Protein backbone atom coordinates (compact mmCIF):
# COMPACT_ATOMS: atom_id res chain seq x y z
CA MET A 1 11.49 7.75 -31.07
CA ASN A 2 11.09 8.82 -27.47
CA VAL A 3 8.69 11.69 -26.80
CA LEU A 4 8.38 13.20 -23.33
CA SER A 5 5.01 14.74 -22.45
CA ILE A 6 5.20 16.97 -19.37
CA ILE A 7 1.92 17.72 -17.64
CA ILE A 8 1.50 20.79 -15.43
CA PRO A 9 -1.69 21.11 -13.36
CA ALA A 10 -2.33 24.80 -12.74
CA LEU A 11 -4.78 26.59 -10.46
CA ASN A 12 -4.47 30.35 -10.04
CA GLU A 13 -0.73 30.41 -10.85
CA GLU A 14 -0.53 33.67 -12.83
CA ASP A 15 2.56 34.83 -10.90
CA GLY A 16 4.75 31.85 -11.73
CA ILE A 17 3.32 29.92 -14.66
CA ALA A 18 5.27 31.85 -17.34
CA ASN A 19 8.58 31.20 -15.62
CA ILE A 20 8.03 27.45 -15.30
CA ILE A 21 6.85 27.18 -18.94
CA GLU A 22 10.00 28.92 -20.20
CA ARG A 23 12.23 26.79 -18.01
CA ILE A 24 10.65 23.60 -19.39
CA LEU A 25 10.87 24.72 -23.02
CA ALA A 26 14.57 25.44 -22.45
CA ILE A 27 15.44 21.78 -21.71
CA LYS A 28 14.82 20.46 -25.24
CA ASP A 29 18.52 20.22 -26.10
CA PRO A 30 19.52 18.46 -22.84
CA LEU A 31 16.66 16.01 -23.42
CA ASN A 32 17.94 15.30 -26.95
CA GLN A 33 21.36 14.49 -25.51
CA VAL A 34 19.93 11.68 -23.35
CA GLY A 35 17.78 10.19 -26.13
CA VAL A 36 14.47 12.09 -25.91
CA SER A 37 13.81 13.35 -29.42
CA ASP A 38 10.78 15.53 -28.77
CA LEU A 39 9.13 17.43 -25.92
CA GLU A 40 5.41 18.07 -25.48
CA LEU A 41 4.25 20.49 -22.79
CA ILE A 42 0.63 20.26 -21.65
CA VAL A 43 -0.77 22.66 -19.08
CA VAL A 44 -4.14 21.75 -17.59
CA ASP A 45 -5.88 24.79 -16.17
CA ASP A 46 -8.00 23.43 -13.34
CA GLY A 47 -10.65 26.14 -13.13
CA SER A 48 -8.40 29.15 -12.48
CA ARG A 49 -10.05 32.50 -11.74
CA ASP A 50 -7.05 34.67 -12.54
CA ARG A 51 -5.00 35.27 -15.71
CA THR A 52 -3.40 31.81 -15.71
CA PRO A 53 -5.15 30.53 -18.90
CA GLU A 54 -4.42 33.74 -20.79
CA ILE A 55 -0.73 33.53 -19.97
CA ILE A 56 -0.57 29.88 -21.02
CA ALA A 57 -2.36 30.63 -24.31
CA SER A 58 0.30 33.20 -25.17
CA TYR A 59 2.77 30.32 -25.73
CA PRO A 60 1.85 28.67 -29.08
CA GLU A 61 4.09 25.65 -28.41
CA VAL A 62 2.15 24.79 -25.23
CA VAL A 63 -1.02 22.68 -25.29
CA LEU A 64 -3.67 24.25 -23.07
CA ILE A 65 -6.50 22.13 -21.67
CA GLN A 66 -9.10 23.77 -19.44
CA HIS A 67 -11.41 22.36 -16.81
CA PRO A 68 -14.53 24.55 -16.54
CA VAL A 69 -14.50 23.97 -12.77
CA ASN A 70 -11.86 22.88 -10.30
CA ARG A 71 -11.66 19.07 -10.31
CA GLY A 72 -8.51 18.50 -8.30
CA TYR A 73 -4.76 18.07 -8.65
CA GLY A 74 -4.89 14.39 -9.60
CA ALA A 75 -7.79 14.90 -12.00
CA ALA A 76 -5.83 17.58 -13.87
CA ILE A 77 -2.81 15.28 -14.25
CA LYS A 78 -4.98 12.42 -15.51
CA THR A 79 -6.58 14.75 -18.06
CA GLY A 80 -3.11 15.61 -19.30
CA PHE A 81 -2.18 11.93 -19.47
CA ARG A 82 -5.23 11.21 -21.66
CA HIS A 83 -4.23 13.88 -24.18
CA ALA A 84 -0.48 13.20 -24.17
CA ARG A 85 1.14 11.76 -27.28
CA GLY A 86 4.48 10.87 -25.68
CA ASN A 87 5.56 7.36 -24.71
CA LEU A 88 7.14 8.96 -21.64
CA LEU A 89 4.93 10.93 -19.26
CA ALA A 90 6.00 13.44 -16.65
CA PHE A 91 4.36 15.93 -14.35
CA MET A 92 5.34 18.69 -11.98
CA ASP A 93 3.79 21.59 -10.08
CA ALA A 94 3.32 25.03 -11.61
CA ASP A 95 4.67 27.01 -8.67
CA GLY A 96 8.40 26.69 -9.45
CA THR A 97 9.22 24.52 -6.42
CA TYR A 98 10.48 21.62 -8.57
CA PRO A 99 13.43 21.90 -11.03
CA PRO A 100 12.48 20.99 -14.64
CA GLU A 101 16.21 21.11 -15.45
CA TYR A 102 16.45 17.66 -13.78
CA TYR A 103 14.16 15.96 -16.31
CA PRO A 104 17.03 14.85 -18.58
CA LEU A 105 18.68 13.20 -15.57
CA MET A 106 15.35 11.63 -14.54
CA CYS A 107 14.76 10.20 -18.04
CA ARG A 108 18.05 8.30 -18.01
CA PRO A 109 16.99 5.44 -15.69
CA ILE A 110 14.03 4.74 -17.98
CA LEU A 111 16.07 4.85 -21.17
CA GLU A 112 19.22 3.16 -19.84
CA GLN A 113 18.12 1.00 -16.88
CA ASP A 114 14.63 -0.12 -17.96
CA ALA A 115 13.02 1.73 -15.04
CA ASP A 116 9.27 2.18 -15.19
CA LEU A 117 8.82 5.10 -12.80
CA VAL A 118 11.37 7.73 -11.74
CA ILE A 119 10.62 9.85 -8.69
CA GLY A 120 12.39 13.11 -8.05
CA SER A 121 13.19 12.74 -4.35
CA ARG A 122 13.32 15.87 -2.22
CA MET A 123 14.52 13.77 0.73
CA ALA A 124 17.49 11.96 -0.82
CA GLY A 125 20.28 14.43 -0.12
CA ALA A 126 19.85 17.35 -2.52
CA ASN A 127 19.32 20.87 -1.17
CA SER A 128 15.76 21.23 0.05
CA GLU A 129 13.87 24.20 1.45
CA MET A 130 10.96 22.07 2.59
CA PRO A 131 9.51 23.29 5.92
CA LEU A 132 10.32 21.11 8.92
CA VAL A 133 6.70 20.05 9.52
CA ARG A 134 6.28 18.82 5.94
CA ARG A 135 9.69 17.15 6.02
CA ILE A 136 8.67 15.18 9.11
CA GLY A 137 5.35 14.26 7.51
CA ASN A 138 6.99 13.12 4.26
CA THR A 139 9.49 11.04 6.22
CA ILE A 140 6.65 9.33 8.10
CA PHE A 141 4.72 8.60 4.89
CA ALA A 142 7.80 7.32 3.06
CA THR A 143 8.72 5.08 5.99
CA LEU A 144 5.18 3.73 6.14
CA VAL A 145 5.13 2.95 2.41
CA SER A 146 8.54 1.28 2.70
CA ILE A 147 7.43 -0.92 5.61
CA ILE A 148 4.16 -2.10 4.13
CA SER A 149 5.62 -2.70 0.65
CA ASN A 150 9.06 -3.93 1.74
CA ARG A 151 10.65 -1.65 -0.88
CA ARG A 152 12.54 1.45 0.16
CA VAL A 153 11.30 4.85 -0.95
CA THR A 154 12.48 8.18 0.46
CA ASP A 155 9.83 10.53 -0.96
CA SER A 156 6.42 8.95 -1.54
CA ALA A 157 4.68 12.31 -2.17
CA SER A 158 7.04 13.97 -4.63
CA GLY A 159 5.27 15.96 -7.35
CA GLN A 160 7.98 15.58 -10.01
CA ARG A 161 8.03 12.23 -11.80
CA VAL A 162 8.66 10.50 -15.13
CA LEU A 163 7.03 7.21 -16.09
CA ARG A 164 6.43 4.97 -19.04
CA LYS A 165 2.99 5.47 -20.52
CA ASP A 166 2.34 1.74 -20.66
CA VAL A 167 2.53 1.35 -16.86
CA LEU A 168 -0.55 3.50 -16.30
CA SER A 169 -2.75 0.41 -16.63
CA HIS A 170 -0.96 -1.02 -13.58
CA LEU A 171 -1.24 2.20 -11.56
CA TYR A 172 -4.86 3.16 -12.23
CA PRO A 173 -7.23 3.98 -10.64
CA LEU A 174 -5.65 7.01 -9.01
CA PRO A 175 -7.44 9.68 -6.94
CA ASP A 176 -8.37 13.16 -8.14
CA GLY A 177 -6.96 15.06 -5.15
CA LEU A 178 -3.57 15.94 -3.74
CA ASN A 179 -3.17 12.33 -2.53
CA PHE A 180 -2.53 11.37 -6.17
CA THR A 181 1.22 10.99 -5.63
CA PRO A 182 1.34 8.87 -2.42
CA VAL A 183 -1.27 6.51 -3.86
CA MET A 184 0.77 6.21 -7.07
CA SER A 185 3.86 5.38 -4.99
CA THR A 186 2.01 2.75 -2.96
CA ARG A 187 0.54 1.10 -6.04
CA ALA A 188 3.89 1.13 -7.83
CA MET A 189 5.60 -0.61 -4.92
CA HIS A 190 2.98 -3.36 -4.80
CA GLU A 191 2.64 -3.80 -8.57
CA GLN A 192 6.33 -4.70 -8.78
CA ILE A 193 6.97 -1.73 -11.06
CA LYS A 194 10.66 -0.83 -11.23
CA VAL A 195 10.99 2.45 -9.34
CA VAL A 196 14.13 4.61 -9.26
CA GLU A 197 14.60 7.75 -7.19
CA VAL A 198 16.74 10.67 -8.36
CA PRO A 199 17.71 13.34 -5.78
CA ILE A 200 16.41 16.79 -6.73
CA PRO A 201 16.58 20.21 -5.03
CA TYR A 202 13.36 21.75 -3.79
CA LYS A 203 12.36 25.35 -3.19
CA GLU A 204 9.46 26.46 -1.02
CA ARG A 205 6.84 28.24 -3.09
CA LEU A 206 6.12 31.93 -2.79
CA GLY A 207 2.71 32.68 -1.35
CA ARG A 208 0.27 30.37 0.32
CA SER A 209 0.49 26.64 -0.31
CA LYS A 210 -2.63 24.72 -1.38
CA LEU A 211 -1.56 21.83 0.86
CA SER A 212 -3.12 21.56 4.33
CA VAL A 213 -0.65 19.82 6.62
CA VAL A 214 -3.32 18.32 8.91
CA HIS A 215 -6.24 17.71 6.53
CA ASP A 216 -4.16 16.45 3.60
CA GLY A 217 -1.81 14.60 5.94
CA ILE A 218 -4.71 12.56 7.32
CA ARG A 219 -5.97 11.95 3.80
CA PHE A 220 -2.50 10.82 2.68
CA LEU A 221 -2.27 8.38 5.58
CA ASN A 222 -5.75 7.00 4.95
CA THR A 223 -5.21 6.45 1.23
CA ILE A 224 -1.78 4.86 1.72
CA LEU A 225 -3.20 2.34 4.20
CA MET A 226 -6.33 1.63 2.14
CA THR A 227 -4.29 1.14 -1.04
CA ALA A 228 -1.88 -1.19 0.76
CA LEU A 229 -4.81 -3.20 2.16
CA THR A 230 -5.97 -3.91 -1.40
CA TYR A 231 -2.62 -5.57 -2.16
CA ASN A 232 -1.23 -7.24 0.96
CA PRO A 233 -3.55 -7.07 3.98
CA THR A 234 -1.44 -9.53 5.98
CA ARG A 235 1.42 -7.07 6.13
CA ILE A 236 -0.68 -4.44 7.91
CA PHE A 237 -2.95 -6.75 9.91
CA GLY A 238 0.05 -8.91 10.75
CA LEU A 239 2.08 -6.00 12.07
CA VAL A 240 -0.86 -4.82 14.18
CA GLY A 241 -1.55 -8.35 15.40
CA ILE A 242 2.07 -9.05 16.31
CA ALA A 243 2.29 -5.69 18.07
CA LEU A 244 -0.78 -6.45 20.20
CA MET A 245 0.43 -9.96 21.02
CA SER A 246 3.83 -8.60 21.98
CA ILE A 247 2.34 -5.87 24.18
CA GLY A 248 0.06 -8.39 25.88
CA THR A 249 2.88 -10.84 26.52
CA LEU A 250 5.29 -8.19 27.77
CA ALA A 251 2.64 -6.65 30.01
CA THR A 252 1.91 -10.01 31.59
CA LEU A 253 5.59 -10.83 32.10
CA TYR A 254 6.32 -7.37 33.52
CA ARG A 255 3.49 -7.58 36.02
CA THR A 256 4.65 -11.06 37.05
CA ILE A 257 8.29 -10.07 37.51
CA ILE A 258 7.65 -6.91 39.53
CA ARG A 259 5.08 -8.57 41.79
CA SER A 260 5.74 -7.72 45.41
CA SER A 261 4.38 -9.20 48.61
CA ALA A 262 2.43 -6.00 49.19
CA SER A 263 0.60 -6.15 45.86
CA ARG A 264 -2.91 -7.50 45.81
CA GLN A 265 -3.39 -10.75 43.94
CA ASP A 266 -6.59 -9.61 42.23
CA SER A 267 -4.73 -6.59 40.85
CA GLN A 268 -2.14 -8.88 39.32
CA LEU A 269 -4.84 -11.11 37.87
CA VAL A 270 -6.42 -8.07 36.21
CA SER A 271 -3.05 -7.31 34.58
CA TRP A 272 -2.74 -10.90 33.39
CA PHE A 273 -6.25 -10.83 31.96
CA VAL A 274 -5.61 -7.59 30.09
CA GLY A 275 -2.43 -9.12 28.64
CA LEU A 276 -4.37 -12.22 27.59
CA VAL A 277 -7.08 -10.14 25.91
CA LEU A 278 -4.47 -8.10 23.98
CA ALA A 279 -2.69 -11.25 22.84
CA SER A 280 -6.02 -12.79 21.80
CA ALA A 281 -6.99 -9.66 19.87
CA GLY A 282 -3.62 -9.72 18.12
CA ALA A 283 -4.09 -13.37 17.10
CA ASN A 284 -7.57 -12.65 15.74
CA ILE A 285 -6.38 -9.63 13.75
CA PHE A 286 -3.50 -11.66 12.31
CA ALA A 287 -5.93 -14.41 11.29
CA ILE A 288 -8.25 -11.89 9.61
CA GLY A 289 -5.31 -10.46 7.67
CA ALA A 290 -4.36 -13.92 6.42
CA LEU A 291 -7.90 -14.46 5.14
CA PHE A 292 -7.95 -11.07 3.42
CA ASN A 293 -4.75 -11.99 1.59
CA ASP A 294 -6.51 -14.92 -0.07
CA ILE A 295 -9.48 -12.75 -1.02
CA VAL A 296 -7.14 -10.14 -2.53
CA SER A 297 -5.24 -12.91 -4.31
CA LEU A 298 -8.49 -14.08 -5.93
CA PHE A 299 -9.19 -10.53 -7.11
CA HIS A 300 -5.72 -9.90 -8.54
CA LYS A 301 -5.47 -13.48 -9.88
CA ARG A 302 -1.95 -13.88 -8.58
CA PRO A 303 -0.31 -14.98 -5.34
CA ILE A 304 0.24 -12.30 -2.72
CA ARG A 305 3.70 -12.00 -1.22
CA GLN A 306 3.84 -13.49 2.24
CA GLY A 307 5.97 -12.45 5.18
CA LEU A 308 6.22 -9.21 7.10
CA PHE A 309 9.84 -8.20 6.66
CA GLY A 310 10.78 -9.27 3.16
CA ARG A 311 10.85 -12.99 3.79
CA PRO A 312 8.50 -15.48 5.44
CA LEU A 313 8.63 -15.56 9.23
CA PHE A 314 8.24 -19.34 9.14
CA LYS A 315 9.25 -22.05 6.68
CA LYS A 316 5.59 -23.03 6.53
CA PRO A 317 2.97 -20.25 6.56
CA LEU A 318 1.69 -19.63 10.06
CA GLU A 319 -1.92 -19.69 8.88
CA SER A 320 -1.49 -23.36 7.91
CA ARG A 321 -1.07 -24.01 11.64
CA PHE A 322 -4.25 -22.19 12.65
CA GLY A 323 -6.10 -25.50 12.92
CA TRP A 324 -3.99 -27.09 15.63
CA LEU A 325 -3.24 -23.74 17.28
CA GLY A 326 -6.98 -23.15 17.61
CA SER A 327 -7.55 -26.68 18.87
CA GLY A 328 -4.80 -26.22 21.45
CA SER A 329 -6.29 -22.93 22.62
CA ILE A 330 -9.74 -24.54 23.04
CA LEU A 331 -8.23 -27.49 24.88
CA ILE A 332 -6.26 -25.30 27.31
CA GLY A 333 -9.27 -23.06 27.96
CA SER A 334 -11.56 -26.04 28.53
CA LEU A 335 -9.10 -27.74 30.92
CA MET A 336 -8.69 -24.51 32.89
CA TYR A 337 -12.44 -24.23 33.36
CA ILE A 338 -12.88 -27.91 34.29
CA LEU A 339 -10.08 -27.72 36.88
CA ASP A 340 -11.50 -24.50 38.30
CA VAL A 341 -14.96 -26.03 38.69
CA SER A 342 -13.56 -29.18 40.32
CA LEU A 343 -11.52 -27.13 42.80
CA ARG A 344 -14.59 -25.09 43.69
CA TRP A 345 -16.39 -28.27 44.65
CA SER A 346 -13.47 -29.78 46.56
CA LYS A 347 -12.60 -26.82 48.79
CA PRO A 348 -13.86 -23.28 49.39
CA ARG A 349 -12.30 -20.47 47.40
CA SER A 350 -9.89 -18.17 49.26
CA LYS A 351 -11.10 -14.61 49.61
CA ASP A 352 -7.80 -13.36 48.19
CA VAL A 353 -8.38 -15.12 44.85
CA ALA A 354 -10.57 -13.42 42.24
CA PRO A 355 -13.26 -15.97 41.32
CA TRP A 356 -13.80 -14.42 37.88
CA PHE A 357 -10.29 -14.85 36.50
CA ILE A 358 -10.19 -18.47 35.37
CA PRO A 359 -13.70 -18.54 33.82
CA ALA A 360 -12.98 -15.29 31.98
CA ALA A 361 -9.53 -16.42 30.81
CA SER A 362 -10.85 -19.81 29.66
CA THR A 363 -13.61 -18.06 27.70
CA VAL A 364 -11.08 -15.86 25.89
CA LEU A 365 -8.95 -18.91 25.02
CA VAL A 366 -11.91 -20.92 23.73
CA LEU A 367 -13.23 -18.04 21.59
CA THR A 368 -9.75 -17.38 20.21
CA GLY A 369 -9.43 -21.06 19.34
CA LEU A 370 -12.76 -21.04 17.53
CA GLN A 371 -11.69 -17.97 15.54
CA LEU A 372 -8.41 -19.63 14.52
CA ILE A 373 -10.14 -22.86 13.46
CA THR A 374 -12.75 -20.92 11.49
CA SER A 375 -10.00 -18.91 9.80
CA TRP A 376 -8.14 -22.13 8.96
CA LEU A 377 -11.24 -23.66 7.35
CA LEU A 378 -12.04 -20.49 5.39
CA LYS A 379 -8.44 -20.29 4.21
CA LEU A 380 -8.61 -23.87 2.94
CA ILE A 381 -11.77 -23.01 0.99
CA LEU A 382 -10.30 -19.81 -0.44
CA GLY A 383 -7.11 -21.65 -1.36
CA GLU A 384 -9.16 -24.25 -3.21
CA LEU A 385 -11.06 -21.54 -5.07
CA SER A 386 -7.84 -19.74 -6.02
CA HIS A 387 -6.51 -22.90 -7.72
CA ARG A 388 -9.81 -23.95 -9.25
CA GLU A 389 -9.54 -21.93 -12.47
CA ALA A 390 -5.92 -22.96 -13.05
CA ARG A 391 -6.76 -26.64 -12.55
CA ALA A 392 -9.74 -26.33 -14.89
CA ASP A 393 -7.50 -24.82 -17.57
CA VAL A 394 -5.06 -27.71 -17.17
CA ASP A 395 -7.84 -30.29 -17.45
CA LEU A 396 -9.38 -28.57 -20.48
CA GLY A 397 -5.94 -28.30 -22.04
CA ASP A 398 -5.34 -32.01 -21.58
CA LEU A 399 -8.73 -32.80 -23.14
CA THR A 400 -8.07 -30.55 -26.13
CA LEU A 401 -4.67 -32.13 -26.65
CA MET A 402 -6.16 -35.63 -26.51
CA LEU A 403 -8.83 -34.73 -29.07
CA ASN A 404 -6.33 -33.17 -31.42
CA GLU A 405 -3.94 -36.10 -31.24
CA THR A 406 -6.27 -39.13 -31.27
CA ALA A 407 -9.44 -38.07 -33.04
CA PRO A 408 -8.70 -36.46 -36.38
CA ASN A 409 -11.86 -38.01 -37.88
CA GLY A 410 -14.13 -36.65 -35.12
CA GLN A 411 -15.20 -40.10 -33.78
CA LEU A 412 -13.70 -39.51 -30.34
CA VAL A 413 -15.28 -36.07 -30.17
CA GLU A 414 -18.68 -37.61 -30.81
CA SER A 415 -18.21 -40.30 -28.16
CA LEU A 416 -17.11 -37.80 -25.54
CA THR A 417 -19.99 -35.44 -26.17
CA LYS A 418 -22.73 -38.05 -25.98
């Protein structure tokens, strides 16, 4: 028997709460037609100071839960989840912006396609009255989540969803604030939960929204990035590192190509040095991301997906080459410095040549090489630690099997334990 528990977090919604309750209670028959036998409606009053709780209490078929003080949008939803009896959980806002009539359609992917989480997407083609600024922001957040998880999502912050109750253990912990939904989306994408989006219409609420475009937008961005870093740091660090290396390389090439006879040589050397520093910074950031992936893998006790764009960039992971890449960088930097010193002794330096360039460039190359070699050694150690428990289990399993098969009288057990 499938029971759908719909959670509504409510804060000072006396003008619209009755309408949304009646609209939800009216979808029982459509839910029955798709295989949902019962509907439970839970409204969590999150410290309202108006008549919201009184209006909710006037509906005997609605479960009312009250927070004495305001605890936040996400906290109210989680309170509803804890009290829900349904095997299917859903939530939506109390302001009438989302259409509860779409819940039967949203339940179908779970019941018929084994989906785990269904998101009502306001950005997938249905009529939407979302303001332009919020539409742009949601597009940016959805694109960011898609890039860092390598799974496409069009609306990472939608407030109308249906999910299986048993996937909560994979999604928790979730924040108490309005960033509840983008964090849920980010976790779902990285936990390999099957996510389906269903286009829904959206209406702008009457009155003032509780969402601050700037403040909550920054918080959304921060929590999306921090959540992603706890799953696959290489994807973010790698993208930043590759971007810096690309900028550094292109800047150096551009300055070399457009060099004119009138340009000063020391000015060009400055451009080359800046490009080298950017490329070095990118390599270091990439190496740090690779190390973080192994640390995260130890925490989650499973391998972390490699690659930046859905598949590995190289047949063999690039971090396995950090050792000889670092050695090569140290060698090149050392040779540059040795040649520069020998030339200084053999003939005087021209006034047009900046004397600082080669020593500075060689220093950057040597330090970058040391960082890569250190990262390579740390990665070897972390890789060994990640396989240690599995190897121990195999060895213990082999020992147990040997004892069971060859020592039924306990003699071998005694000899092994002495």
